[in-house]
Amino acid sequence: MRLVLATANPDKAAEIAAILGGHELVPRPADVPDVDETGDTLEENARLKARALAAATGEPAVADDTGLEVDALGGEPGVRSARYAGEGASYADNVRALLRALDGVGDRRARFRTVAVVAFPDGGEVLADGAVHGSITTEPRGSGGFGYDPVFVPDEGDGRTFAEMTPAEKHAVSHRGRAFRALAARLASR
């Protein structure tokens, strides 16, 4: 199936392409602007982006929203994960802000969640989500991945952060891997 990819983030696009193999993913047209993420939940934001792109292009569109939820921070940064250190923040800015917020905190339990949506021009949609539980390190480790990957250690791993894993190792247990594999299965049965 041909799907227009809502994200313009090259790191996220590469992960989605690696996980959703078998579907033709095409980039968002340059004349279609970013969609404001005004939703209060990951599902609302993913749906907003997918529906807007499907309406703008007349083609099925795929979008996701991902959040890191830290228990000691009441679930933050959550839906604001990409903007945790402010609008226009870099990955490193967000990681620094998170580590500052957790300075001296013993309970560093967290989970990554992704909600993925394919919206069709006729109004139909397919939705899937995925989560992975883990903990936040006290300092960044590893050079792979992106976002909070250098500080997130999944419970199902061997003590390495996502940034210390190969892409294939990360995709096997990650929130995005789970969400997009479930999405692919639902698309196949549609």
C-alpha atoms as a PDB file:
ATOM      1  CA  MET A   1       0.000   0.000   0.000  1.00  0.00           C
ATOM      2  CA  ARG A   2       1.186   3.524  -0.790  1.00  0.00           C
ATOM      3  CA  LEU A   3       1.172   5.768   2.293  1.00  0.00           C
ATOM      4  CA  VAL A   4       2.096   9.423   2.583  1.00  0.00           C
ATOM      5  CA  LEU A   5       4.311   9.887   5.606  1.00  0.00           C
ATOM      6  CA  ALA A   6       3.249  12.774   7.847  1.00  0.00           C
ATOM      7  CA  THR A   7       6.547  13.217   9.627  1.00  0.00           C
ATOM      8  CA  ALA A   8       9.290  15.363   8.207  1.00  0.00           C
ATOM      9  CA  ASN A   9      11.666  14.154  10.947  1.00  0.00           C
ATOM     10  CA  PRO A  10      14.274  12.112   9.025  1.00  0.00           C
ATOM     11  CA  ASP A  11      15.161   9.992  12.086  1.00  0.00           C
ATOM     12  CA  LYS A  12      11.561   8.991  12.682  1.00  0.00           C
ATOM     13  CA  ALA A  13      10.935   8.472   8.942  1.00  0.00           C
ATOM     14  CA  ALA A  14      13.882   6.071   8.723  1.00  0.00           C
ATOM     15  CA  GLU A  15      12.612   4.044  11.691  1.00  0.00           C
ATOM     16  CA  ILE A  16       9.078   3.855  10.293  1.00  0.00           C
ATOM     17  CA  ALA A  17      10.374   2.784   6.873  1.00  0.00           C
ATOM     18  CA  ALA A  18      12.512   0.055   8.456  1.00  0.00           C
ATOM     19  CA  ILE A  19       9.571  -1.284  10.465  1.00  0.00           C
ATOM     20  CA  LEU A  20       6.803  -0.873   7.845  1.00  0.00           C
ATOM     21  CA  GLY A  21       8.648  -2.654   5.051  1.00  0.00           C
ATOM     22  CA  GLY A  22       6.298  -3.887   2.364  1.00  0.00           C
ATOM     23  CA  HIS A  23       4.453  -0.579   2.124  1.00  0.00           C
ATOM     24  CA  GLU A  24       5.502   2.234  -0.174  1.00  0.00           C
ATOM     25  CA  LEU A  25       6.139   5.288   1.987  1.00  0.00           C
ATOM     26  CA  VAL A  26       6.315   8.641   0.246  1.00  0.00           C
ATOM     27  CA  PRO A  27       7.360  11.888   1.913  1.00  0.00           C
ATOM     28  CA  ARG A  28       4.916  14.610   2.791  1.00  0.00           C
ATOM     29  CA  PRO A  29       4.691  17.035  -0.145  1.00  0.00           C
ATOM     30  CA  ALA A  30       6.734  20.196   0.410  1.00  0.00           C
ATOM     31  CA  ASP A  31       3.653  22.388   0.009  1.00  0.00           C
ATOM     32  CA  VAL A  32       1.808  20.641   2.863  1.00  0.00           C
ATOM     33  CA  PRO A  33       2.745  22.333   6.132  1.00  0.00           C
ATOM     34  CA  ASP A  34       3.310  20.732   9.510  1.00  0.00           C
ATOM     35  CA  VAL A  35       0.128  20.122  11.465  1.00  0.00           C
ATOM     36  CA  ASP A  36      -0.064  21.795  14.860  1.00  0.00           C
ATOM     37  CA  GLU A  37      -0.118  19.150  17.575  1.00  0.00           C
ATOM     38  CA  THR A  38      -2.949  20.628  19.618  1.00  0.00           C
ATOM     39  CA  GLY A  39      -4.277  17.355  21.023  1.00  0.00           C
ATOM     40  CA  ASP A  40      -4.159  16.461  24.683  1.00  0.00           C
ATOM     41  CA  THR A  41      -3.200  12.850  23.960  1.00  0.00           C
ATOM     42  CA  LEU A  42      -0.849  10.958  21.671  1.00  0.00           C
ATOM     43  CA  GLU A  43      -3.851   9.459  19.870  1.00  0.00           C
ATOM     44  CA  GLU A  44      -5.393  12.877  19.199  1.00  0.00           C
ATOM     45  CA  ASN A  45      -2.132  14.243  17.777  1.00  0.00           C
ATOM     46  CA  ALA A  46      -1.495  11.211  15.568  1.00  0.00           C
ATOM     47  CA  ARG A  47      -5.058  11.371  14.265  1.00  0.00           C
ATOM     48  CA  LEU A  48      -4.847  15.145  13.611  1.00  0.00           C
ATOM     49  CA  LYS A  49      -1.700  14.713  11.524  1.00  0.00           C
ATOM     50  CA  ALA A  50      -2.897  11.670   9.565  1.00  0.00           C
ATOM     51  CA  ARG A  51      -6.312  13.151   8.763  1.00  0.00           C
ATOM     52  CA  ALA A  52      -4.869  16.502   7.705  1.00  0.00           C
ATOM     53  CA  LEU A  53      -2.375  14.845   5.380  1.00  0.00           C
ATOM     54  CA  ALA A  54      -4.976  12.496   3.863  1.00  0.00           C
ATOM     55  CA  ALA A  55      -7.253  15.483   3.229  1.00  0.00           C
ATOM     56  CA  ALA A  56      -4.431  17.551   1.707  1.00  0.00           C
ATOM     57  CA  THR A  57      -3.110  14.804  -0.591  1.00  0.00           C
ATOM     58  CA  GLY A  58      -6.156  12.653  -1.329  1.00  0.00           C
ATOM     59  CA  GLU A  59      -4.052   9.593  -0.420  1.00  0.00           C
ATOM     60  CA  PRO A  60      -3.843   7.337   2.636  1.00  0.00           C
ATOM     61  CA  ALA A  61      -1.529   8.941   5.179  1.00  0.00           C
ATOM     62  CA  VAL A  62       0.361   7.551   8.147  1.00  0.00           C
ATOM     63  CA  ALA A  63       1.247   9.537  11.248  1.00  0.00           C
ATOM     64  CA  ASP A  64       2.304   8.816  14.779  1.00  0.00           C
ATOM     65  CA  ASP A  65       2.876  10.555  18.042  1.00  0.00           C
ATOM     66  CA  THR A  66       5.264   9.316  20.681  1.00  0.00           C
ATOM     67  CA  GLY A  67       5.699  10.244  24.285  1.00  0.00           C
ATOM     68  CA  LEU A  68       8.039   9.386  27.109  1.00  0.00           C
ATOM     69  CA  GLU A  69       6.098   9.019  30.364  1.00  0.00           C
ATOM     70  CA  VAL A  70       8.160   9.170  33.562  1.00  0.00           C
ATOM     71  CA  ASP A  71       6.445   7.924  36.709  1.00  0.00           C
ATOM     72  CA  ALA A  72       8.222  10.311  39.101  1.00  0.00           C
ATOM     73  CA  LEU A  73       7.163  13.254  36.910  1.00  0.00           C
ATOM     74  CA  GLY A  74       3.485  12.315  36.877  1.00  0.00           C
ATOM     75  CA  GLY A  75       3.703  11.001  33.300  1.00  0.00           C
ATOM     76  CA  GLU A  76       5.622  13.946  31.894  1.00  0.00           C
ATOM     77  CA  PRO A  77       6.955  14.856  29.449  1.00  0.00           C
ATOM     78  CA  GLY A  78       4.244  12.730  27.754  1.00  0.00           C
ATOM     79  CA  VAL A  79       2.488  14.402  24.863  1.00  0.00           C
ATOM     80  CA  ARG A  80       4.990  17.295  25.096  1.00  0.00           C
ATOM     81  CA  SER A  81       8.081  15.072  24.797  1.00  0.00           C
ATOM     82  CA  ALA A  82       9.388  16.729  21.621  1.00  0.00           C
ATOM     83  CA  ARG A  83       8.970  20.182  23.203  1.00  0.00           C
ATOM     84  CA  TYR A  84       9.894  19.378  26.813  1.00  0.00           C
ATOM     85  CA  ALA A  85      12.690  21.978  26.920  1.00  0.00           C
ATOM     86  CA  GLY A  86      10.594  24.472  24.915  1.00  0.00           C
ATOM     87  CA  GLU A  87       9.603  25.114  21.321  1.00  0.00           C
ATOM     88  CA  GLY A  88      12.465  24.451  18.917  1.00  0.00           C
ATOM     89  CA  ALA A  89      14.402  22.430  21.506  1.00  0.00           C
ATOM     90  CA  SER A  90      17.009  19.979  20.243  1.00  0.00           C
ATOM     91  CA  TYR A  91      17.181  16.340  21.286  1.00  0.00           C
ATOM     92  CA  ALA A  92      20.063  17.219  23.617  1.00  0.00           C
ATOM     93  CA  ASP A  93      18.079  20.110  25.147  1.00  0.00           C
ATOM     94  CA  ASN A  94      15.184  17.776  25.952  1.00  0.00           C
ATOM     95  CA  VAL A  95      17.470  15.141  27.453  1.00  0.00           C
ATOM     96  CA  ARG A  96      19.184  17.755  29.637  1.00  0.00           C
ATOM     97  CA  ALA A  97      15.817  19.079  30.829  1.00  0.00           C
ATOM     98  CA  LEU A  98      14.667  15.550  31.682  1.00  0.00           C
ATOM     99  CA  LEU A  99      17.839  14.714  33.584  1.00  0.00           C
ATOM    100  CA  ARG A 100      17.589  18.012  35.513  1.00  0.00           C
ATOM    101  CA  ALA A 101      13.983  17.218  36.446  1.00  0.00           C
ATOM    102  CA  LEU A 102      15.083  13.786  37.712  1.00  0.00           C
ATOM    103  CA  ASP A 103      18.189  14.987  39.557  1.00  0.00           C
ATOM    104  CA  GLY A 104      18.234  13.217  42.935  1.00  0.00           C
ATOM    105  CA  VAL A 105      15.137  11.134  42.126  1.00  0.00           C
ATOM    106  CA  GLY A 106      15.504   7.439  42.923  1.00  0.00           C
ATOM    107  CA  ASP A 107      12.441   6.095  41.083  1.00  0.00           C
ATOM    108  CA  ARG A 108      13.356   6.476  37.430  1.00  0.00           C
ATOM    109  CA  ARG A 109      10.699   4.141  35.971  1.00  0.00           C
ATOM    110  CA  ALA A 110       9.356   5.240  32.617  1.00  0.00           C
ATOM    111  CA  ARG A 111       7.620   4.026  29.504  1.00  0.00           C
ATOM    112  CA  PHE A 112       7.752   5.046  25.877  1.00  0.00           C
ATOM    113  CA  ARG A 113       4.402   5.012  24.042  1.00  0.00           C
ATOM    114  CA  THR A 114       3.627   5.394  20.346  1.00  0.00           C
ATOM    115  CA  VAL A 115       0.233   5.707  18.700  1.00  0.00           C
ATOM    116  CA  ALA A 116       0.219   5.206  14.917  1.00  0.00           C
ATOM    117  CA  VAL A 117      -2.699   6.042  12.628  1.00  0.00           C
ATOM    118  CA  VAL A 118      -3.385   5.530   8.943  1.00  0.00           C
ATOM    119  CA  ALA A 119      -6.133   7.857   7.729  1.00  0.00           C
ATOM    120  CA  PHE A 120      -7.873   7.229   4.430  1.00  0.00           C
ATOM    121  CA  PRO A 121      -9.377   9.949   2.221  1.00  0.00           C
ATOM    122  CA  ASP A 122     -12.835   8.390   2.712  1.00  0.00           C
ATOM    123  CA  GLY A 123     -12.635   9.044   6.466  1.00  0.00           C
ATOM    124  CA  GLY A 124     -11.685   5.518   7.480  1.00  0.00           C
ATOM    125  CA  GLU A 125      -8.707   4.864   9.708  1.00  0.00           C
ATOM    126  CA  VAL A 126      -6.568   2.150  11.219  1.00  0.00           C
ATOM    127  CA  LEU A 127      -4.979   2.738  14.621  1.00  0.00           C
ATOM    128  CA  ALA A 128      -2.393   0.843  16.655  1.00  0.00           C
ATOM    129  CA  ASP A 129      -0.293   1.564  19.702  1.00  0.00           C
ATOM    130  CA  GLY A 130       2.800   0.203  21.333  1.00  0.00           C
ATOM    131  CA  ALA A 131       4.606   0.674  24.622  1.00  0.00           C
ATOM    132  CA  VAL A 132       7.851  -0.386  26.233  1.00  0.00           C
ATOM    133  CA  HIS A 133       8.671  -0.087  29.929  1.00  0.00           C
ATOM    134  CA  GLY A 134      12.076   0.793  31.268  1.00  0.00           C
ATOM    135  CA  SER A 135      14.020   3.365  33.235  1.00  0.00           C
ATOM    136  CA  ILE A 136      15.917   6.605  32.768  1.00  0.00           C
ATOM    137  CA  THR A 137      19.702   6.637  33.236  1.00  0.00           C
ATOM    138  CA  THR A 138      21.527   9.391  35.128  1.00  0.00           C
ATOM    139  CA  GLU A 139      23.554  10.361  32.057  1.00  0.00           C
ATOM    140  CA  PRO A 140      23.352   9.772  28.290  1.00  0.00           C
ATOM    141  CA  ARG A 141      24.962   6.611  26.873  1.00  0.00           C
ATOM    142  CA  GLY A 142      25.432   5.555  23.258  1.00  0.00           C
ATOM    143  CA  SER A 143      25.533   7.262  19.906  1.00  0.00           C
ATOM    144  CA  GLY A 144      22.673   5.611  18.020  1.00  0.00           C
ATOM    145  CA  GLY A 145      19.003   6.430  17.859  1.00  0.00           C
ATOM    146  CA  PHE A 146      17.587   9.863  18.544  1.00  0.00           C
ATOM    147  CA  GLY A 147      15.513  11.811  21.042  1.00  0.00           C
ATOM    148  CA  TYR A 148      15.560  10.264  24.507  1.00  0.00           C
ATOM    149  CA  ASP A 149      17.226   7.033  23.285  1.00  0.00           C
ATOM    150  CA  PRO A 150      20.547   7.783  25.083  1.00  0.00           C
ATOM    151  CA  VAL A 151      18.816   7.818  28.493  1.00  0.00           C
ATOM    152  CA  PHE A 152      16.143   5.091  28.115  1.00  0.00           C
ATOM    153  CA  VAL A 153      16.953   1.508  29.147  1.00  0.00           C
ATOM    154  CA  PRO A 154      14.180  -0.941  28.210  1.00  0.00           C
ATOM    155  CA  ASP A 155      13.288  -3.624  30.757  1.00  0.00           C
ATOM    156  CA  GLU A 156      13.436  -6.256  28.014  1.00  0.00           C
ATOM    157  CA  GLY A 157      17.012  -5.485  27.094  1.00  0.00           C
ATOM    158  CA  ASP A 158      20.364  -6.276  28.603  1.00  0.00           C
ATOM    159  CA  GLY A 159      20.969  -2.981  30.403  1.00  0.00           C
ATOM    160  CA  ARG A 160      21.850  -0.953  27.310  1.00  0.00           C
ATOM    161  CA  THR A 161      20.061   2.232  26.320  1.00  0.00           C
ATOM    162  CA  PHE A 162      18.255   2.368  22.991  1.00  0.00           C
ATOM    163  CA  ALA A 163      21.174   4.510  21.765  1.00  0.00           C
ATOM    164  CA  GLU A 164      23.594   1.656  22.532  1.00  0.00           C
ATOM    165  CA  MET A 165      21.593  -0.857  20.466  1.00  0.00           C
ATOM    166  CA  THR A 166      21.681  -1.520  16.755  1.00  0.00           C
ATOM    167  CA  PRO A 167      18.592  -0.311  14.901  1.00  0.00           C
ATOM    168  CA  ALA A 168      17.371  -3.915  14.545  1.00  0.00           C
ATOM    169  CA  GLU A 169      17.782  -4.575  18.274  1.00  0.00           C
ATOM    170  CA  LYS A 170      15.903  -1.397  19.115  1.00  0.00           C
ATOM    171  CA  HIS A 171      13.061  -2.067  16.641  1.00  0.00           C
ATOM    172  CA  ALA A 172      12.556  -5.551  18.113  1.00  0.00           C
ATOM    173  CA  VAL A 173      11.529  -4.171  21.518  1.00  0.00           C
ATOM    174  CA  SER A 174      10.699  -0.498  20.973  1.00  0.00           C
ATOM    175  CA  HIS A 175       7.376   1.254  21.320  1.00  0.00           C
ATOM    176  CA  ARG A 176       7.531   2.430  17.701  1.00  0.00           C
ATOM    177  CA  GLY A 177       8.409  -1.068  16.498  1.00  0.00           C
ATOM    178  CA  ARG A 178       5.434  -2.528  18.370  1.00  0.00           C
ATOM    179  CA  ALA A 179       3.017   0.140  17.190  1.00  0.00           C
ATOM    180  CA  PHE A 180       4.009  -0.079  13.533  1.00  0.00           C
ATOM    181  CA  ARG A 181       4.123  -3.896  13.460  1.00  0.00           C
ATOM    182  CA  ALA A 182       0.590  -3.903  14.909  1.00  0.00           C
ATOM    183  CA  LEU A 183      -0.429  -1.260  12.354  1.00  0.00           C
ATOM    184  CA  ALA A 184       1.015  -3.345   9.495  1.00  0.00           C
ATOM    185  CA  ALA A 185      -0.920  -6.406  10.696  1.00  0.00           C
ATOM    186  CA  ARG A 186      -4.160  -4.410  10.877  1.00  0.00           C
ATOM    187  CA  LEU A 187      -3.580  -2.952   7.421  1.00  0.00           C
ATOM    188  CA  ALA A 188      -3.003  -6.452   6.013  1.00  0.00           C
ATOM    189  CA  SER A 189      -6.364  -7.606   7.356  1.00  0.00           C
ATOM    190  CA  ARG A 190      -8.264  -4.529   6.181  1.00  0.00           C
END
